[in-house]
Structures are given as C-alpha cells and as structure tokens.
C-alpha cells in the first residue's frame, strides 16, 4: 500500500463543528497544529476508546 500525504492549511474559527469535521474522517486525518487542537482531538479519541 502506498501512503500518500496531502497537507492543507486553513484559517478557521475554532468551534465544535470544526472538531466534529476532523473526527468524522477517523484515521485518515491527522492534526499537526495548533497544539491545543491536537490535544483536544487526542483527548476526545482517548475518552471514546475508554468507552469500549
């Protein structure tokens, strides 16, 4: 399997909808920065995994 990477940069207003849009893409997306958003997404995923 060939891994491909596409980096994009967006200027957005942080809100619940942004986080949900990121999470809906599951393992196919990775937040690189800002660090607070990396931490937020990571925390949500860890809490989700803790439910199982």
PDB file of N, CA and C in Angstrom:
ATOM      1  N   UNK A   1       0.843  -1.175   0.000  1.00  0.00           N
ATOM      2  CA  UNK A   1       0.000   0.000   0.000  1.00  0.00           C
ATOM      3  C   UNK A   1       0.891   1.242   0.000  1.00  0.00           C
ATOM      4  N   UNK A   2       0.628   2.153  -0.872  1.00  0.00           N
ATOM      5  CA  UNK A   2       1.377   3.393  -0.968  1.00  0.00           C
ATOM      6  C   UNK A   2       0.695   4.439  -0.093  1.00  0.00           C
ATOM      7  N   UNK A   3       1.470   5.008   0.835  1.00  0.00           N
ATOM      8  CA  UNK A   3       0.923   6.076   1.666  1.00  0.00           C
ATOM      9  C   UNK A   3       1.144   7.397   0.964  1.00  0.00           C
ATOM     10  N   UNK A   4       0.105   8.170   0.896  1.00  0.00           N
ATOM     11  CA  UNK A   4       0.202   9.495   0.307  1.00  0.00           C
ATOM     12  C   UNK A   4      -0.162  10.523   1.360  1.00  0.00           C
ATOM     13  N   UNK A   5       0.416  11.686   1.235  1.00  0.00           N
ATOM     14  CA  UNK A   5       0.159  12.749   2.190  1.00  0.00           C
ATOM     15  C   UNK A   5      -0.222  14.020   1.459  1.00  0.00           C
ATOM     16  N   UNK A   6      -1.219  14.675   1.989  1.00  0.00           N
ATOM     17  CA  UNK A   6      -1.644  15.958   1.448  1.00  0.00           C
ATOM     18  C   UNK A   6      -1.832  16.889   2.638  1.00  0.00           C
ATOM     19  N   UNK A   7      -1.010  17.919   2.714  1.00  0.00           N
ATOM     20  CA  UNK A   7      -1.121  18.870   3.824  1.00  0.00           C
ATOM     21  C   UNK A   7      -1.869  20.109   3.365  1.00  0.00           C
ATOM     22  N   UNK A   8      -2.791  20.530   4.217  1.00  0.00           N
ATOM     23  CA  UNK A   8      -3.521  21.761   3.928  1.00  0.00           C
ATOM     24  C   UNK A   8      -3.449  22.668   5.151  1.00  0.00           C
ATOM     25  N   UNK A   9      -3.549  23.932   4.908  1.00  0.00           N
ATOM     26  CA  UNK A   9      -3.551  24.916   5.976  1.00  0.00           C
ATOM     27  C   UNK A   9      -4.830  25.733   5.850  1.00  0.00           C
ATOM     28  N   UNK A  10      -5.541  25.861   6.960  1.00  0.00           N
ATOM     29  CA  UNK A  10      -6.803  26.592   6.966  1.00  0.00           C
ATOM     30  C   UNK A  10      -6.798  27.634   8.066  1.00  0.00           C
ATOM     31  N   UNK A  11      -7.409  28.754   7.798  1.00  0.00           N
ATOM     32  CA  UNK A  11      -7.659  29.746   8.837  1.00  0.00           C
ATOM     33  C   UNK A  11      -9.151  29.691   9.135  1.00  0.00           C
ATOM     34  N   UNK A  12      -9.478  29.178  10.308  1.00  0.00           N
ATOM     35  CA  UNK A  12     -10.873  28.989  10.688  1.00  0.00           C
ATOM     36  C   UNK A  12     -11.095  29.472  12.117  1.00  0.00           C
ATOM     37  N   UNK A  13     -12.342  29.646  12.456  1.00  0.00           N
ATOM     38  CA  UNK A  13     -12.710  29.953  13.834  1.00  0.00           C
ATOM     39  C   UNK A  13     -12.922  28.621  14.548  1.00  0.00           C
ATOM     40  N   UNK A  14     -12.141  28.339  15.578  1.00  0.00           N
ATOM     41  CA  UNK A  14     -12.294  27.063  16.289  1.00  0.00           C
ATOM     42  C   UNK A  14     -13.682  26.952  16.920  1.00  0.00           C
ATOM     43  N   UNK A  15     -14.328  25.825  16.692  1.00  0.00           N
ATOM     44  CA  UNK A  15     -15.634  25.588  17.297  1.00  0.00           C
ATOM     45  C   UNK A  15     -15.930  24.083  17.269  1.00  0.00           C
ATOM     46  N   UNK A  16     -17.047  23.724  17.834  1.00  0.00           N
ATOM     47  CA  UNK A  16     -17.465  22.322  17.921  1.00  0.00           C
ATOM     48  C   UNK A  16     -17.547  21.676  16.541  1.00  0.00           C
ATOM     49  N   UNK A  17     -18.095  22.388  15.580  1.00  0.00           N
ATOM     50  CA  UNK A  17     -18.268  21.844  14.227  1.00  0.00           C
ATOM     51  C   UNK A  17     -16.923  21.495  13.589  1.00  0.00           C
ATOM     52  N   UNK A  18     -15.909  22.318  13.783  1.00  0.00           N
ATOM     53  CA  UNK A  18     -14.572  22.034  13.260  1.00  0.00           C
ATOM     54  C   UNK A  18     -14.052  20.722  13.824  1.00  0.00           C
ATOM     55  N   UNK A  19     -14.153  20.572  15.133  1.00  0.00           N
ATOM     56  CA  UNK A  19     -13.688  19.336  15.781  1.00  0.00           C
ATOM     57  C   UNK A  19     -14.440  18.127  15.236  1.00  0.00           C
ATOM     58  N   UNK A  20     -15.739  18.243  15.062  1.00  0.00           N
ATOM     59  CA  UNK A  20     -16.534  17.130  14.544  1.00  0.00           C
ATOM     60  C   UNK A  20     -16.149  16.783  13.109  1.00  0.00           C
ATOM     61  N   UNK A  21     -15.871  17.788  12.304  1.00  0.00           N
ATOM     62  CA  UNK A  21     -15.460  17.541  10.925  1.00  0.00           C
ATOM     63  C   UNK A  21     -14.123  16.795  10.886  1.00  0.00           C
ATOM     64  N   UNK A  22     -13.229  17.144  11.781  1.00  0.00           N
ATOM     65  CA  UNK A  22     -11.939  16.441  11.863  1.00  0.00           C
ATOM     66  C   UNK A  22     -12.157  14.999  12.297  1.00  0.00           C
ATOM     67  N   UNK A  23     -12.946  14.805  13.346  1.00  0.00           N
ATOM     68  CA  UNK A  23     -13.159  13.462  13.897  1.00  0.00           C
ATOM     69  C   UNK A  23     -13.880  12.535  12.920  1.00  0.00           C
ATOM     70  N   UNK A  24     -14.740  13.069  12.096  1.00  0.00           N
ATOM     71  CA  UNK A  24     -15.509  12.196  11.194  1.00  0.00           C
ATOM     72  C   UNK A  24     -14.629  11.513  10.155  1.00  0.00           C
ATOM     73  N   UNK A  25     -13.412  12.013   9.965  1.00  0.00           N
ATOM     74  CA  UNK A  25     -12.503  11.404   8.995  1.00  0.00           C
ATOM     75  C   UNK A  25     -11.622  10.320   9.609  1.00  0.00           C
ATOM     76  N   UNK A  26     -11.792  10.078  10.902  1.00  0.00           N
ATOM     77  CA  UNK A  26     -11.119   8.974  11.573  1.00  0.00           C
ATOM     78  C   UNK A  26      -9.620   8.936  11.352  1.00  0.00           C
ATOM     79  N   UNK A  27      -9.138   7.758  11.002  1.00  0.00           N
ATOM     80  CA  UNK A  27      -7.692   7.541  10.876  1.00  0.00           C
ATOM     81  C   UNK A  27      -7.087   8.137   9.610  1.00  0.00           C
ATOM     82  N   UNK A  28      -7.912   8.718   8.755  1.00  0.00           N
ATOM     83  CA  UNK A  28      -7.380   9.258   7.504  1.00  0.00           C
ATOM     84  C   UNK A  28      -6.908  10.704   7.633  1.00  0.00           C
ATOM     85  N   UNK A  29      -7.044  11.279   8.829  1.00  0.00           N
ATOM     86  CA  UNK A  29      -6.633  12.671   9.018  1.00  0.00           C
ATOM     87  C   UNK A  29      -5.805  12.786  10.298  1.00  0.00           C
ATOM     88  N   UNK A  30      -4.851  13.701  10.293  1.00  0.00           N
ATOM     89  CA  UNK A  30      -4.028  13.955  11.469  1.00  0.00           C
ATOM     90  C   UNK A  30      -3.868  15.460  11.631  1.00  0.00           C
ATOM     91  N   UNK A  31      -4.191  15.945  12.824  1.00  0.00           N
ATOM     92  CA  UNK A  31      -3.993  17.357  13.130  1.00  0.00           C
ATOM     93  C   UNK A  31      -2.535  17.531  13.540  1.00  0.00           C
ATOM     94  N   UNK A  32      -1.848  18.455  12.907  1.00  0.00           N
ATOM     95  CA  UNK A  32      -0.431  18.700  13.189  1.00  0.00           C
ATOM     96  C   UNK A  32      -0.264  19.916  14.103  1.00  0.00           C
ATOM     97  N   UNK A  33      -1.044  20.932  13.866  1.00  0.00           N
ATOM     98  CA  UNK A  33      -1.032  22.121  14.708  1.00  0.00           C
ATOM     99  C   UNK A  33      -2.327  22.879  14.517  1.00  0.00           C
ATOM    100  N   UNK A  34      -2.719  23.711  15.430  1.00  0.00           N
ATOM    101  CA  UNK A  34      -2.062  24.122  16.662  1.00  0.00           C
ATOM    102  C   UNK A  34      -2.110  23.010  17.719  1.00  0.00           C
ATOM    103  N   UNK A  35      -1.184  23.081  18.649  1.00  0.00           N
ATOM    104  CA  UNK A  35      -1.054  22.014  19.651  1.00  0.00           C
ATOM    105  C   UNK A  35      -2.316  21.845  20.484  1.00  0.00           C
ATOM    106  N   UNK A  36      -3.008  22.932  20.795  1.00  0.00           N
ATOM    107  CA  UNK A  36      -4.226  22.796  21.599  1.00  0.00           C
ATOM    108  C   UNK A  36      -5.279  21.961  20.881  1.00  0.00           C
ATOM    109  N   UNK A  37      -5.335  22.057  19.540  1.00  0.00           N
ATOM    110  CA  UNK A  37      -6.308  21.265  18.784  1.00  0.00           C
ATOM    111  C   UNK A  37      -5.862  19.808  18.704  1.00  0.00           C
ATOM    112  N   UNK A  38      -4.574  19.583  18.574  1.00  0.00           N
ATOM    113  CA  UNK A  38      -4.031  18.218  18.636  1.00  0.00           C
ATOM    114  C   UNK A  38      -4.453  17.591  19.966  1.00  0.00           C
ATOM    115  N   UNK A  39      -4.261  18.324  21.054  1.00  0.00           N
ATOM    116  CA  UNK A  39      -4.612  17.810  22.384  1.00  0.00           C
ATOM    117  C   UNK A  39      -6.108  17.566  22.529  1.00  0.00           C
ATOM    118  N   UNK A  40      -6.914  18.459  21.982  1.00  0.00           N
ATOM    119  CA  UNK A  40      -8.370  18.300  22.070  1.00  0.00           C
ATOM    120  C   UNK A  40      -8.844  17.057  21.334  1.00  0.00           C
ATOM    121  N   UNK A  41      -8.388  16.876  20.103  1.00  0.00           N
ATOM    122  CA  UNK A  41      -8.785  15.705  19.308  1.00  0.00           C
ATOM    123  C   UNK A  41      -8.281  14.428  19.981  1.00  0.00           C
ATOM    124  N   UNK A  42      -7.044  14.445  20.439  1.00  0.00           N
ATOM    125  CA  UNK A  42      -6.478  13.280  21.116  1.00  0.00           C
ATOM    126  C   UNK A  42      -7.281  12.927  22.369  1.00  0.00           C
ATOM    127  N   UNK A  43      -7.640  13.931  23.147  1.00  0.00           N
ATOM    128  CA  UNK A  43      -8.424  13.690  24.356  1.00  0.00           C
ATOM    129  C   UNK A  43      -9.781  13.083  24.058  1.00  0.00           C
ATOM    130  N   UNK A  44     -10.441  13.583  23.041  1.00  0.00           N
ATOM    131  CA  UNK A  44     -11.750  13.045  22.651  1.00  0.00           C
ATOM    132  C   UNK A  44     -11.606  11.580  22.232  1.00  0.00           C
ATOM    133  N   UNK A  45     -10.590  11.279  21.449  1.00  0.00           N
ATOM    134  CA  UNK A  45     -10.393   9.907  20.980  1.00  0.00           C
ATOM    135  C   UNK A  45     -10.028   8.972  22.139  1.00  0.00           C
ATOM    136  N   UNK A  46      -9.224   9.437  23.073  1.00  0.00           N
ATOM    137  CA  UNK A  46      -8.890   8.607  24.224  1.00  0.00           C
ATOM    138  C   UNK A  46     -10.121   8.321  25.080  1.00  0.00           C
ATOM    139  N   UNK A  47     -10.957   9.344  25.301  1.00  0.00           N
ATOM    140  CA  UNK A  47     -12.182   9.131  26.084  1.00  0.00           C
ATOM    141  C   UNK A  47     -13.142   8.183  25.355  1.00  0.00           C
ATOM    142  N   UNK A  48     -13.198   8.312  24.035  1.00  0.00           N
ATOM    143  CA  UNK A  48     -14.046   7.426  23.243  1.00  0.00           C
ATOM    144  C   UNK A  48     -13.576   5.982  23.375  1.00  0.00           C
ATOM    145  N   UNK A  49     -12.279   5.771  23.230  1.00  0.00           N
ATOM    146  CA  UNK A  49     -11.723   4.418  23.350  1.00  0.00           C
ATOM    147  C   UNK A  49     -11.986   3.854  24.755  1.00  0.00           C
ATOM    148  N   UNK A  50     -11.974   4.717  25.751  1.00  0.00           N
ATOM    149  CA  UNK A  50     -12.243   4.276  27.118  1.00  0.00           C
ATOM    150  C   UNK A  50     -13.664   3.742  27.307  1.00  0.00           C
ATOM    151  N   UNK A  51     -14.548   4.048  26.377  1.00  0.00           N
ATOM    152  CA  UNK A  51     -15.919   3.540  26.442  1.00  0.00           C
ATOM    153  C   UNK A  51     -16.033   2.086  26.003  1.00  0.00           C
ATOM    154  N   UNK A  52     -14.968   1.523  25.441  1.00  0.00           N
ATOM    155  CA  UNK A  52     -15.037   0.171  24.886  1.00  0.00           C
ATOM    156  C   UNK A  52     -14.124  -0.788  25.589  1.00  0.00           C
TER     157      UNK A  52
END
